[in-house]
PDB file of N, CA and C in Angstrom:
ATOM      1  N   MET A   1     -16.288 -17.766  -6.007  1.00  0.00           N
ATOM      2  CA  MET A   1     -17.029 -17.057  -6.587  1.00  0.00           C
ATOM      3  C   MET A   1     -16.203 -15.470  -7.168  1.00  0.00           C
ATOM      4  N   LYS A   2     -15.899 -15.116  -8.101  1.00  0.00           N
ATOM      5  CA  LYS A   2     -14.919 -13.915  -8.861  1.00  0.00           C
ATOM      6  C   LYS A   2     -15.687 -12.642  -8.897  1.00  0.00           C
ATOM      7  N   ASP A   3     -14.524 -11.964  -7.717  1.00  0.00           N
ATOM      8  CA  ASP A   3     -15.441 -10.183  -7.845  1.00  0.00           C
ATOM      9  C   ASP A   3     -14.774  -9.593  -8.745  1.00  0.00           C
ATOM     10  N   PRO A   4     -15.365  -8.967  -9.924  1.00  0.00           N
ATOM     11  CA  PRO A   4     -15.272  -8.151 -11.216  1.00  0.00           C
ATOM     12  C   PRO A   4     -14.290  -7.248 -10.495  1.00  0.00           C
ATOM     13  N   TYR A   5     -14.537  -6.773  -9.367  1.00  0.00           N
ATOM     14  CA  TYR A   5     -13.813  -5.244  -9.123  1.00  0.00           C
ATOM     15  C   TYR A   5     -12.354  -5.545  -8.838  1.00  0.00           C
ATOM     16  N   VAL A   6     -11.859  -6.935  -8.330  1.00  0.00           N
ATOM     17  CA  VAL A   6     -10.764  -7.517  -7.948  1.00  0.00           C
ATOM     18  C   VAL A   6     -10.098  -7.938  -9.187  1.00  0.00           C
ATOM     19  N   ALA A   7     -11.025  -8.612  -9.797  1.00  0.00           N
ATOM     20  CA  ALA A   7     -10.539  -8.812 -11.374  1.00  0.00           C
ATOM     21  C   ALA A   7      -9.666  -7.953 -12.575  1.00  0.00           C
ATOM     22  N   GLU A   8     -10.750  -6.398 -12.210  1.00  0.00           N
ATOM     23  CA  GLU A   8     -10.148  -5.040 -12.550  1.00  0.00           C
ATOM     24  C   GLU A   8      -9.143  -4.719 -12.206  1.00  0.00           C
ATOM     25  N   VAL A   9      -8.963  -4.249 -11.427  1.00  0.00           N
ATOM     26  CA  VAL A   9      -7.876  -3.986 -10.297  1.00  0.00           C
ATOM     27  C   VAL A   9      -6.457  -5.098 -10.993  1.00  0.00           C
ATOM     28  N   ARG A  10      -6.602  -5.802 -10.798  1.00  0.00           N
ATOM     29  CA  ARG A  10      -5.386  -7.502 -11.264  1.00  0.00           C
ATOM     30  C   ARG A  10      -5.136  -6.765 -12.351  1.00  0.00           C
ATOM     31  N   LYS A  11      -6.205  -7.219 -13.243  1.00  0.00           N
ATOM     32  CA  LYS A  11      -6.197  -6.702 -15.128  1.00  0.00           C
ATOM     33  C   LYS A  11      -5.210  -5.668 -15.151  1.00  0.00           C
ATOM     34  N   HIS A  12      -5.514  -4.383 -14.626  1.00  0.00           N
ATOM     35  CA  HIS A  12      -4.597  -2.925 -14.877  1.00  0.00           C
ATOM     36  C   HIS A  12      -3.605  -3.055 -14.298  1.00  0.00           C
ATOM     37  N   ARG A  13      -3.275  -3.910 -12.781  1.00  0.00           N
ATOM     38  CA  ARG A  13      -1.830  -4.084 -12.348  1.00  0.00           C
ATOM     39  C   ARG A  13      -1.283  -4.720 -12.985  1.00  0.00           C
ATOM     40  N   MET A  14      -1.557  -6.214 -14.094  1.00  0.00           N
ATOM     41  CA  MET A  14      -0.544  -6.510 -14.487  1.00  0.00           C
ATOM     42  C   MET A  14      -0.239  -5.764 -16.000  1.00  0.00           C
ATOM     43  N   GLU A  15      -1.584  -5.023 -16.759  1.00  0.00           N
ATOM     44  CA  GLU A  15      -1.041  -3.839 -17.482  1.00  0.00           C
ATOM     45  C   GLU A  15       0.487  -3.369 -16.947  1.00  0.00           C
ATOM     46  N   HIS A  16       0.134  -2.638 -15.970  1.00  0.00           N
ATOM     47  CA  HIS A  16       1.230  -1.695 -15.440  1.00  0.00           C
ATOM     48  C   HIS A  16       2.083  -2.715 -14.810  1.00  0.00           C
ATOM     49  N   THR A  17       2.197  -3.997 -14.757  1.00  0.00           N
ATOM     50  CA  THR A  17       3.615  -4.778 -14.715  1.00  0.00           C
ATOM     51  C   THR A  17       4.398  -4.709 -15.569  1.00  0.00           C
ATOM     52  N   LYS A  18       3.730  -4.704 -16.832  1.00  0.00           N
ATOM     53  CA  LYS A  18       3.272  -5.247 -18.155  1.00  0.00           C
ATOM     54  C   LYS A  18       5.198  -4.718 -18.822  1.00  0.00           C
ATOM     55  N   GLN A  19       3.857  -2.697 -18.772  1.00  0.00           N
ATOM     56  CA  GLN A  19       5.432  -1.662 -19.066  1.00  0.00           C
ATOM     57  C   GLN A  19       6.304  -1.756 -18.872  1.00  0.00           C
ATOM     58  N   PHE A  20       6.946  -2.280 -17.637  1.00  0.00           N
ATOM     59  CA  PHE A  20       8.200  -2.139 -16.879  1.00  0.00           C
ATOM     60  C   PHE A  20       8.739  -3.289 -16.929  1.00  0.00           C
ATOM     61  N   ASN A  21       8.188  -4.384 -17.508  1.00  0.00           N
ATOM     62  CA  ASN A  21       8.984  -5.671 -17.620  1.00  0.00           C
ATOM     63  C   ASN A  21       9.190  -6.464 -16.062  1.00  0.00           C
ATOM     64  N   SER A  22       8.191  -6.197 -15.290  1.00  0.00           N
ATOM     65  CA  SER A  22       8.485  -6.670 -14.010  1.00  0.00           C
ATOM     66  C   SER A  22       9.304  -5.778 -13.386  1.00  0.00           C
ATOM     67  N   ASP A  23       9.936  -4.855 -13.538  1.00  0.00           N
ATOM     68  CA  ASP A  23      11.040  -4.732 -12.956  1.00  0.00           C
ATOM     69  C   ASP A  23      10.401  -3.744 -11.110  1.00  0.00           C
ATOM     70  N   LEU A  24      10.297  -4.775 -10.552  1.00  0.00           N
ATOM     71  CA  LEU A  24       9.657  -3.491  -9.048  1.00  0.00           C
ATOM     72  C   LEU A  24      10.699  -2.495  -9.240  1.00  0.00           C
ATOM     73  N   HIS A  25      11.860  -2.178  -9.355  1.00  0.00           N
ATOM     74  CA  HIS A  25      12.245  -1.098  -8.820  1.00  0.00           C
ATOM     75  C   HIS A  25      11.736   0.064  -9.811  1.00  0.00           C
ATOM     76  N   LEU A  26      11.498  -0.049 -10.904  1.00  0.00           N
ATOM     77  CA  LEU A  26      10.560   1.361 -11.775  1.00  0.00           C
ATOM     78  C   LEU A  26       9.157   1.183 -11.810  1.00  0.00           C
ATOM     79  N   ILE A  27       8.156  -0.431 -11.319  1.00  0.00           N
ATOM     80  CA  ILE A  27       7.038  -0.190 -11.090  1.00  0.00           C
ATOM     81  C   ILE A  27       7.683   1.068  -9.637  1.00  0.00           C
ATOM     82  N   CYS A  28       7.689   0.789  -8.402  1.00  0.00           N
ATOM     83  CA  CYS A  28       7.444   1.376  -7.684  1.00  0.00           C
ATOM     84  C   CYS A  28       8.320   3.185  -8.102  1.00  0.00           C
ATOM     85  N   GLU A  29       9.559   2.958  -8.989  1.00  0.00           N
ATOM     86  CA  GLU A  29       9.283   4.417  -9.386  1.00  0.00           C
ATOM     87  C   GLU A  29       8.016   4.647  -9.832  1.00  0.00           C
ATOM     88  N   ASP A  30       7.266   4.863 -10.488  1.00  0.00           N
ATOM     89  CA  ASP A  30       6.551   5.228 -11.453  1.00  0.00           C
ATOM     90  C   ASP A  30       5.413   5.517 -10.312  1.00  0.00           C
ATOM     91  N   LEU A  31       4.839   4.856  -9.775  1.00  0.00           N
ATOM     92  CA  LEU A  31       4.270   4.865  -8.515  1.00  0.00           C
ATOM     93  C   LEU A  31       4.374   6.100  -8.008  1.00  0.00           C
ATOM     94  N   ARG A  32       5.592   6.447  -7.024  1.00  0.00           N
ATOM     95  CA  ARG A  32       6.115   6.964  -6.516  1.00  0.00           C
ATOM     96  C   ARG A  32       5.803   8.805  -7.320  1.00  0.00           C
ATOM     97  N   ARG A  33       6.243   8.495  -8.774  1.00  0.00           N
ATOM     98  CA  ARG A  33       5.859   9.881  -9.546  1.00  0.00           C
ATOM     99  C   ARG A  33       4.397  10.241 -10.017  1.00  0.00           C
ATOM    100  N   PHE A  34       3.904   9.771  -9.524  1.00  0.00           N
ATOM    101  CA  PHE A  34       2.553   9.460 -10.214  1.00  0.00           C
ATOM    102  C   PHE A  34       1.356  10.378  -8.692  1.00  0.00           C
ATOM    103  N   GLU A  35       2.540   9.623  -7.743  1.00  0.00           N
ATOM    104  CA  GLU A  35       1.932  10.115  -6.179  1.00  0.00           C
ATOM    105  C   GLU A  35       2.102  11.538  -5.799  1.00  0.00           C
ATOM    106  N   SER A  36       3.480  11.268  -6.909  1.00  0.00           N
ATOM    107  CA  SER A  36       3.991  13.361  -6.344  1.00  0.00           C
ATOM    108  C   SER A  36       3.266  14.119  -6.946  1.00  0.00           C
ATOM    109  N   SER A  37       2.484  13.594  -8.356  1.00  0.00           N
ATOM    110  CA  SER A  37       1.763  14.598  -8.944  1.00  0.00           C
ATOM    111  C   SER A  37       0.312  14.379  -8.470  1.00  0.00           C
ATOM    112  N   LEU A  38      -0.212  14.221  -7.602  1.00  0.00           N
ATOM    113  CA  LEU A  38      -1.110  13.957  -7.093  1.00  0.00           C
ATOM    114  C   LEU A  38      -1.430  15.394  -5.898  1.00  0.00           C
ATOM    115  N   GLY A  39      -0.109  15.693  -5.154  1.00  0.00           N
ATOM    116  CA  GLY A  39      -0.150  17.195  -4.446  1.00  0.00           C
ATOM    117  C   GLY A  39      -1.213  16.918  -3.065  1.00  0.00           C
ATOM    118  N   ASP A  40      -1.904  17.768  -2.996  1.00  0.00           N
ATOM    119  CA  ASP A  40      -2.880  17.254  -1.622  1.00  0.00           C
ATOM    120  C   ASP A  40      -3.820  15.977  -1.149  1.00  0.00           C
ATOM    121  N   ARG A  41      -4.078  15.756  -2.667  1.00  0.00           N
ATOM    122  CA  ARG A  41      -4.808  14.601  -2.695  1.00  0.00           C
ATOM    123  C   ARG A  41      -4.535  13.562  -2.083  1.00  0.00           C
ATOM    124  N   VAL A  42      -3.020  12.918  -1.492  1.00  0.00           N
ATOM    125  CA  VAL A  42      -3.144  11.798  -1.025  1.00  0.00           C
ATOM    126  C   VAL A  42      -3.137  12.272   0.669  1.00  0.00           C
ATOM    127  N   VAL A  43      -3.783  11.310   1.190  1.00  0.00           N
ATOM    128  CA  VAL A  43      -3.890  11.545   3.108  1.00  0.00           C
ATOM    129  C   VAL A  43      -2.248  10.720   3.334  1.00  0.00           C
ATOM    130  N   THR A  44      -2.116  11.006   4.060  1.00  0.00           N
ATOM    131  CA  THR A  44      -0.788  10.554   5.415  1.00  0.00           C
ATOM    132  C   THR A  44      -0.998  10.480   6.606  1.00  0.00           C
ATOM    133  N   LEU A  45      -1.435   9.889   7.534  1.00  0.00           N
ATOM    134  CA  LEU A  45      -1.901   9.563   8.482  1.00  0.00           C
ATOM    135  C   LEU A  45      -0.867   9.664   9.912  1.00  0.00           C
ATOM    136  N   GLU A  46      -1.193  10.317  10.921  1.00  0.00           N
ATOM    137  CA  GLU A  46       0.001   9.878  11.920  1.00  0.00           C
ATOM    138  C   GLU A  46      -0.244   8.595  12.166  1.00  0.00           C
ATOM    139  N   PRO A  47       1.436   7.957  12.017  1.00  0.00           N
ATOM    140  CA  PRO A  47       1.384   6.312  13.034  1.00  0.00           C
ATOM    141  C   PRO A  47       0.541   6.374  14.496  1.00  0.00           C
ATOM    142  N   ARG A  48      -0.301   5.192  14.499  1.00  0.00           N
ATOM    143  CA  ARG A  48      -0.535   5.456  15.855  1.00  0.00           C
ATOM    144  C   ARG A  48      -0.165   4.370  16.369  1.00  0.00           C
ATOM    145  N   ARG A  49      -0.492   5.171  17.805  1.00  0.00           N
ATOM    146  CA  ARG A  49       0.556   4.724  19.205  1.00  0.00           C
ATOM    147  C   ARG A  49      -0.108   3.723  19.768  1.00  0.00           C
ATOM    148  N   ILE A  50       0.392   2.745  19.857  1.00  0.00           N
ATOM    149  CA  ILE A  50      -0.057   1.251  20.409  1.00  0.00           C
ATOM    150  C   ILE A  50      -0.061   1.571  22.187  1.00  0.00           C
ATOM    151  N   GLN A  51      -0.898   1.488  23.014  1.00  0.00           N
ATOM    152  CA  GLN A  51      -1.672   1.376  24.148  1.00  0.00           C
ATOM    153  C   GLN A  51      -0.569   0.383  24.807  1.00  0.00           C
ATOM    154  N   PRO A  52       0.029   0.590  25.573  1.00  0.00           N
ATOM    155  CA  PRO A  52       0.786  -0.536  26.473  1.00  0.00           C
ATOM    156  C   PRO A  52      -0.297  -1.341  26.886  1.00  0.00           C
ATOM    157  N   THR A  53      -0.222  -2.574  27.577  1.00  0.00           N
ATOM    158  CA  THR A  53      -1.058  -2.940  28.225  1.00  0.00           C
ATOM    159  C   THR A  53      -0.844  -3.119  29.715  1.00  0.00           C
ATOM    160  N   LYS A  54      -1.746  -3.516  30.644  1.00  0.00           N
ATOM    161  CA  LYS A  54      -1.245  -3.486  32.198  1.00  0.00           C
ATOM    162  C   LYS A  54      -1.236  -4.689  32.304  1.00  0.00           C
ATOM    163  N   ARG A  55      -0.027  -5.442  33.263  1.00  0.00           N
ATOM    164  CA  ARG A  55       0.057  -7.132  33.031  1.00  0.00           C
ATOM    165  C   ARG A  55       0.125  -7.059  34.423  1.00  0.00           C
ATOM    166  N   PRO A  56      -0.818  -8.101  35.324  1.00  0.00           N
ATOM    167  CA  PRO A  56      -0.840  -8.087  36.633  1.00  0.00           C
ATOM    168  C   PRO A  56       0.744  -8.584  37.252  1.00  0.00           C
ATOM    169  N   ARG A  57       0.532  -7.758  38.089  1.00  0.00           N
ATOM    170  CA  ARG A  57       2.422  -8.454  38.727  1.00  0.00           C
ATOM    171  C   ARG A  57       2.717  -9.356  39.008  1.00  0.00           C
ATOM    172  N   GLU A  58       3.642 -10.155  39.225  1.00  0.00           N
ATOM    173  CA  GLU A  58       3.649 -11.534  39.408  1.00  0.00           C
ATOM    174  C   GLU A  58       4.115 -11.563  41.088  1.00  0.00           C
ATOM    175  N   SER A  59       3.644 -12.628  41.706  1.00  0.00           N
ATOM    176  CA  SER A  59       3.650 -12.672  42.602  1.00  0.00           C
ATOM    177  C   SER A  59       5.520 -12.691  43.300  1.00  0.00           C
ATOM    178  N   GLN A  60       6.491 -12.508  44.314  1.00  0.00           N
ATOM    179  CA  GLN A  60       7.450 -13.410  43.750  1.00  0.00           C
ATOM    180  C   GLN A  60       7.298 -14.188  45.527  1.00  0.00           C
TER     181      GLN A  60
END
């Protein structure tokens, strides 16, 4: 079953890619420029700390 939302996102992504002739550097540059124009609407989360798991001590 095709998801219409996924299809729409892929369509717009392909259109955006074609604007920059599939040049990844230019695509990323454009996305960074767009992101910077959003100001405080972009959420940046702190990295999550992974809690170490305690291993049982090996008997010697």
